[in-house]
Amino acid sequence: MSYDVVVVGGGVMGLSIAWSLARRAVGRIAILEKAYLGAGGSGKSGAIVRQHYSNRLTAQLARMSLRWFEEFDQIVQGPPVFTRTGLAIIVRQADRNALEANLQMQQELGIDVHLVSSQELAELDPNTRLADDEIAAWESEAGYVDAIQVLTSYAQACQREGVEIQEGVEVREILVQANQAVGLQTNEGRIACGAVVLAVGPWICRLTDSLGLEIPVQPGRTQVAMFRRPVEMGRRMATCVDFVGQIYYRAAAGDFLHVGSIAGDEARDTVDPDNYPEVADPGWVPNIRQRLQQRCPAMHRCYGRGGYAALYDITPDWHPILDRCPQIENVYLAVGFSGHGFKFAPLIGQLMAELVADGQFRTLDASSFRLSRFVQGQVIKTQYAYGVIG
């Protein structure tokens, strides 16, 4: 069995990359997934699509990917996946200058975002409250996508383009000769290939350590709580990133609210990605509920529906690695998205297809995501640090 390109990993990144490569007609393509599509972080993602970043490149990635998601049913085909809610960004008054500088950069990119007063925020989202020492910004175009439908539509689009999707196939070793990958050893036997794209998230080091490649990605465990909203809250609910309470939340199907932390705890909760607790910690959900109620007082009458845990693939600067392996010319890396990659998937697919097919990024200069930045002391820094959100 032989392929021109094998994409390892059947999450949203692997699917987007494979589909983008197929549209470039690079030859025979396969996706190898050790479990089933979306079984890692993608299938559990909150899939919030927002453009609030403090680095120009990540803000550009988010903005361009948002346009794809808005027309996903036309570009990739399938049902619509995007729900627009608007996004409230809440910080302390002490962070006002940092927030305003951040908003200015985003506005220069054409992002519709601006400061709002407490009264204006109440009109946009009657459920969210500001304290006297807090300020808010509003990003009008933000929302979320249906993660499972995105995965399904990408998979169907890949199959229409001739991509072979193989589930239950675990890559155990990358076979190398003369600094070239010549094949993959799997639980189903050997597969020959002309190039390999590793989009395996927190499993990356299991494949690269044996090659002597040091990839600074650690598997982290993140948690999500689910609450049923009280009927009196109504159906209108903005997405919110609360830097004061260190939480985010968005509406979910069935009048539920999906709530998580932005405190960066995942970097301290390293786990075995094949064996980690997938249920939220008993003490964590009540803590998140308390913080949620401080931001949304009406949620004091919400109905808890438990929680779950998922995986992040975290780099030291919380930004991804998009690069060719330095020692193996035809192996490519698309890993380390650190919990905020789903929204970038359409552009990541396009950029990685350019790198594989053309040898360079063309749509955007993504060279700052190179692997060598960590040893060169050129890590990506959050310019306006009121959180780990990038």
Protein backbone atom coordinates (compact mmCIF):
# COMPACT_ATOMS: atom_id res chain seq x y z
CA MET A 1 0.00 0.00 0.00
CA SER A 2 1.49 3.33 -1.06
CA TYR A 3 0.43 6.98 -0.93
CA ASP A 4 1.91 10.26 -2.07
CA VAL A 5 0.92 11.95 1.19
CA VAL A 6 -0.24 10.42 4.46
CA VAL A 7 -1.88 12.67 7.05
CA VAL A 8 -1.62 11.14 10.51
CA GLY A 9 -4.47 12.21 12.76
CA GLY A 10 -8.19 12.40 12.03
CA GLY A 11 -9.10 15.53 13.97
CA VAL A 12 -10.21 18.79 12.43
CA MET A 13 -6.64 19.73 11.47
CA GLY A 14 -5.89 16.44 9.77
CA LEU A 15 -9.16 16.55 7.85
CA SER A 16 -8.70 20.16 6.77
CA ILE A 17 -5.11 19.50 5.67
CA ALA A 18 -6.05 16.37 3.71
CA TRP A 19 -8.95 18.12 1.97
CA SER A 20 -6.78 21.12 1.09
CA LEU A 21 -4.06 18.83 -0.28
CA ALA A 22 -6.59 16.90 -2.33
CA ARG A 23 -7.77 20.12 -3.94
CA ARG A 24 -4.15 20.74 -4.95
CA ALA A 25 -4.07 17.37 -6.77
CA VAL A 26 -0.87 16.22 -5.08
CA GLY A 27 -1.59 12.56 -5.74
CA ARG A 28 -2.94 9.75 -3.63
CA ILE A 29 -3.75 10.83 -0.06
CA ALA A 30 -4.69 8.91 3.06
CA ILE A 31 -5.74 9.90 6.58
CA LEU A 32 -4.70 7.45 9.28
CA GLU A 33 -6.61 7.74 12.58
CA LYS A 34 -5.84 5.42 15.48
CA ALA A 35 -9.41 5.52 16.85
CA TYR A 36 -12.18 7.37 15.01
CA LEU A 37 -12.51 10.83 13.49
CA GLY A 38 -12.54 13.54 16.16
CA ALA A 39 -11.74 11.10 18.97
CA GLY A 40 -9.08 13.44 20.42
CA GLY A 41 -9.70 17.08 21.24
CA SER A 42 -11.72 18.02 18.14
CA GLY A 43 -14.85 16.07 19.01
CA LYS A 44 -15.04 17.70 22.45
CA SER A 45 -14.18 21.23 21.37
CA GLY A 46 -16.34 24.20 22.28
CA ALA A 47 -15.38 25.45 18.79
CA ILE A 48 -15.74 29.13 19.62
CA VAL A 49 -14.87 31.30 16.63
CA ARG A 50 -13.53 34.65 17.81
CA GLN A 51 -10.88 37.03 16.55
CA HIS A 52 -9.73 38.46 19.88
CA TYR A 53 -5.99 37.87 19.79
CA SER A 54 -3.09 40.09 20.76
CA ASN A 55 -0.84 38.92 17.90
CA ARG A 56 -1.53 40.11 14.39
CA LEU A 57 -0.91 36.72 12.76
CA THR A 58 -3.30 34.79 15.01
CA ALA A 59 -5.93 37.51 14.62
CA GLN A 60 -5.53 37.26 10.83
CA LEU A 61 -5.84 33.48 10.95
CA ALA A 62 -9.01 33.77 12.99
CA ARG A 63 -10.49 36.43 10.73
CA MET A 64 -9.84 34.51 7.52
CA SER A 65 -11.08 31.23 8.99
CA LEU A 66 -14.25 32.95 10.20
CA ARG A 67 -15.07 33.83 6.59
CA TRP A 68 -14.69 30.16 5.65
CA PHE A 69 -16.96 29.03 8.47
CA GLU A 70 -19.61 31.57 7.47
CA GLU A 71 -19.77 29.93 4.03
CA PHE A 72 -18.72 26.42 5.04
CA ASP A 73 -21.86 24.85 3.58
CA GLN A 74 -21.00 26.37 0.19
CA ILE A 75 -17.23 25.80 0.22
CA VAL A 76 -16.95 22.38 1.84
CA GLN A 77 -20.63 21.44 1.38
CA GLY A 78 -23.04 20.06 3.94
CA PRO A 79 -25.37 21.94 6.29
CA PRO A 80 -24.43 25.34 7.77
CA VAL A 81 -22.15 25.05 10.82
CA PHE A 82 -21.76 28.60 12.14
CA THR A 83 -23.93 30.36 14.73
CA ARG A 84 -23.25 34.07 15.31
CA THR A 85 -23.68 35.22 18.91
CA GLY A 86 -21.32 38.13 19.35
CA LEU A 87 -18.55 38.05 21.94
CA ALA A 88 -18.20 40.00 25.18
CA ILE A 89 -14.59 40.45 26.32
CA ILE A 90 -14.35 41.51 29.97
CA VAL A 91 -11.22 42.78 31.76
CA ARG A 92 -10.42 44.90 34.79
CA GLN A 93 -10.21 48.68 34.45
CA ALA A 94 -6.51 48.35 35.24
CA ASP A 95 -6.09 46.54 31.90
CA ARG A 96 -7.86 49.24 29.89
CA ASN A 97 -4.75 50.47 28.05
CA ALA A 98 -3.78 46.94 27.07
CA LEU A 99 -7.29 46.18 25.87
CA GLU A 100 -7.53 49.38 23.84
CA ALA A 101 -4.18 48.70 22.16
CA ASN A 102 -5.36 45.20 21.34
CA LEU A 103 -8.64 46.47 19.90
CA GLN A 104 -6.80 49.02 17.76
CA MET A 105 -4.67 46.29 16.18
CA GLN A 106 -7.77 44.21 15.49
CA GLN A 107 -9.62 47.18 14.00
CA GLU A 108 -6.67 47.79 11.66
CA LEU A 109 -7.26 44.26 10.36
CA GLY A 110 -10.93 45.05 9.72
CA ILE A 111 -12.33 43.28 12.79
CA ASP A 112 -15.55 44.82 14.08
CA VAL A 113 -14.74 45.26 17.76
CA HIS A 114 -15.13 48.19 20.16
CA LEU A 115 -15.53 49.13 23.80
CA VAL A 116 -19.04 49.09 25.22
CA SER A 117 -20.51 50.58 28.35
CA SER A 118 -22.28 48.54 31.01
CA GLN A 119 -25.62 49.70 29.63
CA GLU A 120 -24.67 48.87 26.06
CA LEU A 121 -23.52 45.41 27.11
CA ALA A 122 -26.84 44.84 28.90
CA GLU A 123 -28.65 45.68 25.66
CA LEU A 124 -26.47 43.29 23.67
CA ASP A 125 -26.66 40.52 26.27
CA PRO A 126 -29.14 41.04 29.14
CA ASN A 127 -27.60 38.17 31.11
CA THR A 128 -24.04 39.47 31.51
CA ARG A 129 -23.16 41.97 34.25
CA LEU A 130 -20.18 44.27 34.72
CA ALA A 131 -18.77 45.40 38.07
CA ASP A 132 -17.73 49.03 38.59
CA ASP A 133 -14.03 48.19 38.18
CA GLU A 134 -14.50 46.28 34.92
CA ILE A 135 -14.77 47.20 31.25
CA ALA A 136 -15.99 45.28 28.24
CA ALA A 137 -15.46 45.11 24.50
CA TRP A 138 -17.83 43.67 21.94
CA GLU A 139 -16.83 41.61 18.89
CA SER A 140 -19.94 41.51 16.74
CA GLU A 141 -19.01 38.75 14.29
CA ALA A 142 -17.98 36.06 16.79
CA GLY A 143 -19.87 32.86 17.46
CA TYR A 144 -19.28 29.14 17.37
CA VAL A 145 -19.46 26.19 15.02
CA ASP A 146 -20.93 22.73 15.41
CA ALA A 147 -17.71 20.78 15.89
CA ILE A 148 -19.16 17.39 14.98
CA GLN A 149 -20.79 18.69 11.83
CA VAL A 150 -17.53 20.36 10.77
CA LEU A 151 -15.72 17.03 11.18
CA THR A 152 -18.47 15.20 9.27
CA SER A 153 -18.54 17.70 6.41
CA TYR A 154 -14.77 17.69 6.08
CA ALA A 155 -14.70 13.88 6.04
CA GLN A 156 -17.36 13.72 3.35
CA ALA A 157 -15.55 16.38 1.32
CA CYS A 158 -12.28 14.43 1.63
CA GLN A 159 -13.95 11.28 0.37
CA ARG A 160 -15.45 13.13 -2.60
CA GLU A 161 -11.91 14.27 -3.46
CA GLY A 162 -10.62 10.70 -3.31
CA VAL A 163 -8.92 10.82 0.10
CA GLU A 164 -8.83 7.41 1.78
CA ILE A 165 -9.83 7.63 5.46
CA GLN A 166 -8.63 4.70 7.55
CA GLU A 167 -9.90 4.56 11.13
CA GLY A 168 -8.47 2.19 13.71
CA VAL A 169 -5.03 2.41 12.10
CA GLU A 170 -2.36 3.43 14.59
CA VAL A 171 1.00 4.68 13.34
CA ARG A 172 3.69 3.22 15.58
CA GLU A 173 6.84 4.27 13.79
CA ILE A 174 8.01 6.58 11.03
CA LEU A 175 10.41 4.66 8.79
CA VAL A 176 13.35 6.80 7.66
CA GLN A 177 16.16 6.25 5.17
CA ALA A 178 18.75 8.91 4.31
CA ASN A 179 16.83 11.70 6.04
CA GLN A 180 13.65 10.83 4.16
CA ALA A 181 10.49 9.20 5.47
CA VAL A 182 9.85 6.18 3.29
CA GLY A 183 6.93 4.68 5.13
CA LEU A 184 4.93 4.16 8.30
CA GLN A 185 4.74 1.08 10.46
CA THR A 186 1.17 0.64 11.71
CA ASN A 187 -0.87 -1.94 13.59
CA GLU A 188 -2.14 -2.99 10.15
CA GLY A 189 1.28 -3.33 8.57
CA ARG A 190 3.65 -1.13 6.62
CA ILE A 191 2.48 1.78 4.45
CA ALA A 192 4.81 3.44 1.93
CA CYS A 193 4.51 7.19 1.40
CA GLY A 194 6.10 10.15 -0.27
CA ALA A 195 5.38 12.64 2.53
CA VAL A 196 3.91 12.59 6.02
CA VAL A 197 1.92 15.30 7.81
CA LEU A 198 1.70 14.82 11.55
CA ALA A 199 -1.52 16.35 12.92
CA VAL A 200 -1.68 14.12 15.98
CA GLY A 201 -2.07 16.69 18.74
CA PRO A 202 -0.91 15.48 22.16
CA TRP A 203 0.42 12.19 20.73
CA ILE A 204 3.17 13.91 18.74
CA CYS A 205 6.11 13.01 20.99
CA ARG A 206 5.30 9.31 20.82
CA LEU A 207 6.10 9.42 17.11
CA THR A 208 9.02 11.83 17.11
CA ASP A 209 11.03 10.87 20.21
CA SER A 210 12.36 7.72 18.53
CA LEU A 211 13.64 9.88 15.66
CA GLY A 212 15.64 12.10 18.00
CA LEU A 213 13.29 15.03 17.40
CA GLU A 214 12.49 17.19 20.39
CA ILE A 215 9.01 18.63 19.89
CA PRO A 216 7.99 20.85 22.85
CA VAL A 217 4.38 19.75 23.09
CA GLN A 218 2.86 18.36 26.26
CA PRO A 219 -0.57 16.74 26.63
CA GLY A 220 -2.77 18.71 29.01
CA ARG A 221 -6.20 17.97 30.44
CA THR A 222 -8.87 20.65 30.22
CA GLN A 223 -12.33 20.57 31.76
CA VAL A 224 -15.79 21.72 30.67
CA ALA A 225 -18.97 22.13 32.71
CA MET A 226 -22.48 21.97 31.28
CA PHE A 227 -25.44 23.83 32.76
CA ARG A 228 -29.09 24.02 31.73
CA ARG A 229 -30.13 27.66 31.67
CA PRO A 230 -33.22 28.81 33.59
CA VAL A 231 -36.18 29.41 31.31
CA GLU A 232 -36.42 33.08 32.30
CA MET A 233 -33.00 33.78 30.80
CA GLY A 234 -34.46 33.44 27.33
CA ARG A 235 -32.65 32.16 24.28
CA ARG A 236 -30.46 35.20 23.53
CA MET A 237 -27.00 34.57 24.96
CA ALA A 238 -23.71 36.05 23.90
CA THR A 239 -20.45 34.18 23.99
CA CYS A 240 -18.18 35.59 26.69
CA VAL A 241 -14.48 35.57 27.54
CA ASP A 242 -14.22 36.76 31.14
CA PHE A 243 -10.62 37.58 32.02
CA VAL A 244 -11.65 38.65 35.52
CA GLY A 245 -13.43 35.42 36.45
CA GLN A 246 -11.04 33.44 34.21
CA ILE A 247 -13.86 31.62 32.42
CA TYR A 248 -15.42 31.46 28.99
CA TYR A 249 -18.92 30.36 28.06
CA ARG A 250 -21.19 29.96 25.09
CA ALA A 251 -24.68 28.72 24.40
CA ALA A 252 -25.07 25.06 23.49
CA ALA A 253 -27.91 22.97 22.10
CA GLY A 254 -30.98 22.43 24.24
CA ASP A 255 -30.68 25.68 26.25
CA PHE A 256 -27.41 24.48 27.72
CA LEU A 257 -24.36 26.57 28.54
CA HIS A 258 -20.85 25.27 27.81
CA VAL A 259 -18.40 26.72 30.37
CA GLY A 260 -14.64 26.36 30.71
CA SER A 261 -11.59 27.95 32.29
CA ILE A 262 -9.01 30.29 30.73
CA ALA A 263 -6.70 30.20 33.75
CA GLY A 264 -4.11 28.04 31.98
CA ASP A 265 -4.45 25.14 34.41
CA GLU A 266 -3.99 22.67 31.54
CA ALA A 267 -0.25 23.27 31.47
CA ARG A 268 -0.05 22.02 35.05
CA ASP A 269 -2.33 19.01 34.49
CA THR A 270 -0.23 16.85 32.18
CA VAL A 271 -1.71 13.45 31.41
CA ASP A 272 -1.31 10.28 29.38
CA PRO A 273 -3.54 11.05 26.35
CA ASP A 274 -4.58 7.40 26.17
CA ASN A 275 -5.47 7.14 29.84
CA TYR A 276 -6.83 10.24 31.55
CA PRO A 277 -10.00 10.97 33.58
CA GLU A 278 -12.64 12.02 31.07
CA VAL A 279 -15.10 13.18 33.75
CA ALA A 280 -14.68 16.63 35.31
CA ASP A 281 -13.27 16.75 38.84
CA PRO A 282 -15.99 16.87 41.54
CA GLY A 283 -14.71 20.09 43.09
CA TRP A 284 -14.07 21.84 39.79
CA VAL A 285 -17.67 22.09 38.56
CA PRO A 286 -19.00 23.91 41.69
CA ASN A 287 -16.09 26.36 41.46
CA ILE A 288 -16.86 27.12 37.82
CA ARG A 289 -20.53 27.48 38.68
CA GLN A 290 -19.74 30.08 41.32
CA ARG A 291 -17.64 32.11 38.89
CA LEU A 292 -20.35 31.85 36.25
CA GLN A 293 -22.99 33.14 38.67
CA GLN A 294 -20.84 36.16 39.46
CA ARG A 295 -20.87 37.09 35.78
CA CYS A 296 -24.45 35.96 35.05
CA PRO A 297 -26.54 36.38 38.22
CA ALA A 298 -29.54 34.61 36.66
CA MET A 299 -27.46 31.44 36.53
CA HIS A 300 -27.82 31.02 40.31
CA ARG A 301 -30.90 29.00 39.33
CA CYS A 302 -29.17 27.00 36.62
CA TYR A 303 -29.31 23.22 36.52
CA GLY A 304 -26.00 21.41 36.65
CA ARG A 305 -25.52 18.68 34.10
CA GLY A 306 -22.03 17.58 35.07
CA GLY A 307 -18.90 18.03 33.05
CA TYR A 308 -16.21 16.30 31.04
CA ALA A 309 -12.49 16.51 30.35
CA ALA A 310 -10.67 16.78 27.04
CA LEU A 311 -7.12 17.10 25.74
CA TYR A 312 -4.95 20.05 24.79
CA ASP A 313 -1.58 19.83 23.00
CA ILE A 314 0.33 22.67 24.64
CA THR A 315 3.51 24.42 23.53
CA PRO A 316 5.59 26.68 25.82
CA ASP A 317 4.13 29.83 24.22
CA TRP A 318 0.61 28.41 23.64
CA HIS A 319 0.96 28.81 19.87
CA PRO A 320 1.12 26.07 17.23
CA ILE A 321 4.03 24.54 15.37
CA LEU A 322 3.61 24.62 11.58
CA ASP A 323 6.80 23.46 9.96
CA ARG A 324 8.80 20.86 8.11
CA CYS A 325 10.81 18.56 10.38
CA PRO A 326 14.39 19.85 10.38
CA GLN A 327 16.07 16.43 10.12
CA ILE A 328 13.52 14.68 7.89
CA GLU A 329 12.72 16.62 4.76
CA ASN A 330 9.35 15.12 3.89
CA VAL A 331 7.76 15.07 7.35
CA TYR A 332 5.60 18.04 8.32
CA LEU A 333 4.25 19.21 11.67
CA ALA A 334 0.87 20.77 12.46
CA VAL A 335 0.62 20.42 16.23
CA GLY A 336 0.58 22.36 19.51
CA PHE A 337 -2.62 24.36 19.05
CA SER A 338 -2.93 24.65 22.83
CA GLY A 339 -6.71 24.58 23.01
CA HIS A 340 -7.51 27.38 20.58
CA GLY A 341 -6.93 25.76 17.21
CA PHE A 342 -10.37 24.66 16.01
CA LYS A 343 -11.24 28.15 14.81
CA PHE A 344 -8.06 28.20 12.67
CA ALA A 345 -8.69 24.87 10.93
CA PRO A 346 -9.68 26.15 7.45
CA LEU A 347 -6.58 28.32 7.14
CA ILE A 348 -4.27 25.76 8.73
CA GLY A 349 -5.34 23.29 6.08
CA GLN A 350 -4.60 25.78 3.33
CA LEU A 351 -1.24 26.82 4.79
CA MET A 352 -0.04 23.26 5.33
CA ALA A 353 -1.10 22.28 1.81
CA GLU A 354 1.00 25.17 0.51
CA LEU A 355 3.99 24.10 2.59
CA VAL A 356 3.78 20.50 1.36
CA ALA A 357 2.97 21.24 -2.29
CA ASP A 358 4.89 24.49 -2.84
CA GLY A 359 7.57 24.35 -0.16
CA GLN A 360 6.42 27.61 1.44
CA PHE A 361 3.46 29.42 2.95
CA ARG A 362 1.72 31.67 0.46
CA THR A 363 -1.59 32.85 1.94
CA LEU A 364 0.08 34.26 5.07
CA ASP A 365 3.64 34.35 6.35
CA ALA A 366 3.34 31.76 9.13
CA SER A 367 7.09 31.37 9.60
CA SER A 368 6.83 32.63 13.19
CA PHE A 369 5.18 29.25 13.98
CA ARG A 370 8.41 27.43 13.05
CA LEU A 371 9.73 24.76 15.39
CA SER A 372 13.14 26.39 15.80
CA ARG A 373 11.70 29.45 17.57
CA PHE A 374 11.94 27.66 20.90
CA VAL A 375 15.70 27.10 20.71
CA GLN A 376 16.30 30.47 19.06
CA GLY A 377 14.66 32.34 21.93
CA GLN A 378 11.99 33.73 19.60
CA VAL A 379 8.86 32.40 21.26
CA ILE A 380 5.63 34.16 20.44
CA LYS A 381 4.74 36.55 23.22
CA THR A 382 1.30 37.77 24.14
CA GLN A 383 1.55 41.50 23.58
CA TYR A 384 -1.18 42.54 26.00
CA ALA A 385 -1.11 39.99 28.79
CA TYR A 386 -4.44 39.82 30.60
CA GLY A 387 -4.74 36.09 29.98
CA VAL A 388 -3.38 33.05 28.13
CA ILE A 389 -5.84 33.47 25.29
CA GLY A 390 -3.11 34.47 22.85
